Every structure is written in C-alpha cells, then in structure tokens.
Amino acid sequence: MSFFDKDECPYRNILHRYADDLGIGNETETCACEMYESAMKNVSIRDMDEGLVIATCLYIACRKKNEAYDSADIAEAAGIKPGRLSYAFRLITRQLNISLKPVSPLIYIPRISDDLNLSDKAQSKAVEITENAIGNGTSLGKNPKGVAAAAIYLACESVGEKMEKRRIADIAGVTEITI
C-alpha cells in the first residue's frame, strides 16, 4: 500500500497534519497508517474517537521507529489531553499485542542539541555521558528526556560551553530540578 494513496488511506490527511506539525517522516507516517488499519479491525478500538486513535498510532509508530517524539508532543499536535493519549496507548498496544522497548535517552540528544545550537563536541560528549549512564544502569526508571537534558548540561560544563540549565530544561520539556 502506498501511504499517499487517498483511496486506501482516507484518514491520512489527519495523520499527515499531525506528522507534518512535528516534522515526522513518511516512513513513520506509513507505519502509523498501517497500524491504524489494524486497530480499526478491533471492535473495542473502533468505537474510540478517530483523531485519538490516529494520534495514538502515530505515537506508537514513533516509538517503533525511534523518533524523538514523546506522548506530550503527539498530544499537543493532535489537540488532545496527554492522559487520553496514554489511555489509548495502553488499550491499543494491549489489544494489538504490540510490545515496545523503553525509550532510549539517546534519541533525544540530537533534537535537543540542534535546538540549543550546541557544538559537535558538546553533542558527542552528551552521547558519551548518556551511554555511560545507560551502561551502568543510572538511567533506569528515569525520564529519557530528563536523562538526555542532564547529559547535555554535563557535556556543556565539561567542554566549556556556557548553557543555562533553565534553557536546556525549557528546550527538553523538563524542569530544572530534573536536570
């Protein structure tokens, strides 16, 4: 199936709008489209709000494709409450037997670094710090965005780049205390 074939995927305009607002690629959109079709075959999912199911499928596709978008990003783009998306995520993954690996903080480093205009040296150091945290188990059970933000802060300190904790927190979508 071609993702852009309207006849085969009539709800793609909504999905494309959500994805386009976030800058999500076609491969992830296609994955979300296919997942939506599978979800709509399930009776308990079919009765849910279409926009909510589309947004949830896009979030699941982002997780599968290791895209750096969390449920809050998708919920905001779709104009729905994050709690509704979380509920739909649990329902759809359970009904469709989808298992996902925990999100790695490494996927957020490039996005946050780009938004902060960090040097390659600082970004590489942040990746190194994050890999060490993952390797020694320090990041287990922690917010992946928070781990990435903390690694970026430490990397900036390490390489001598001036970066306020507040700015990193704002860009990462976490609190200063998390860092």
Foldseek 3Di string as FASTA:
>chain_A
DQLPPCVVQVCLVLLCQLCVVVVHDPVLSVQLSVLLVVQCVDPVSVPDDSLLSSLLSSQVSCQVVLAPDHLVSSCVSSVHDSVSNVVSNVVSCVVVVPDGDDRALLNCLVVLCVVVVHDPQLSVQLNVQSVVCVVVVVCPPADSLLSSLVSSVVSCVVVVNDDDLCSSCVSSVHHSVSD
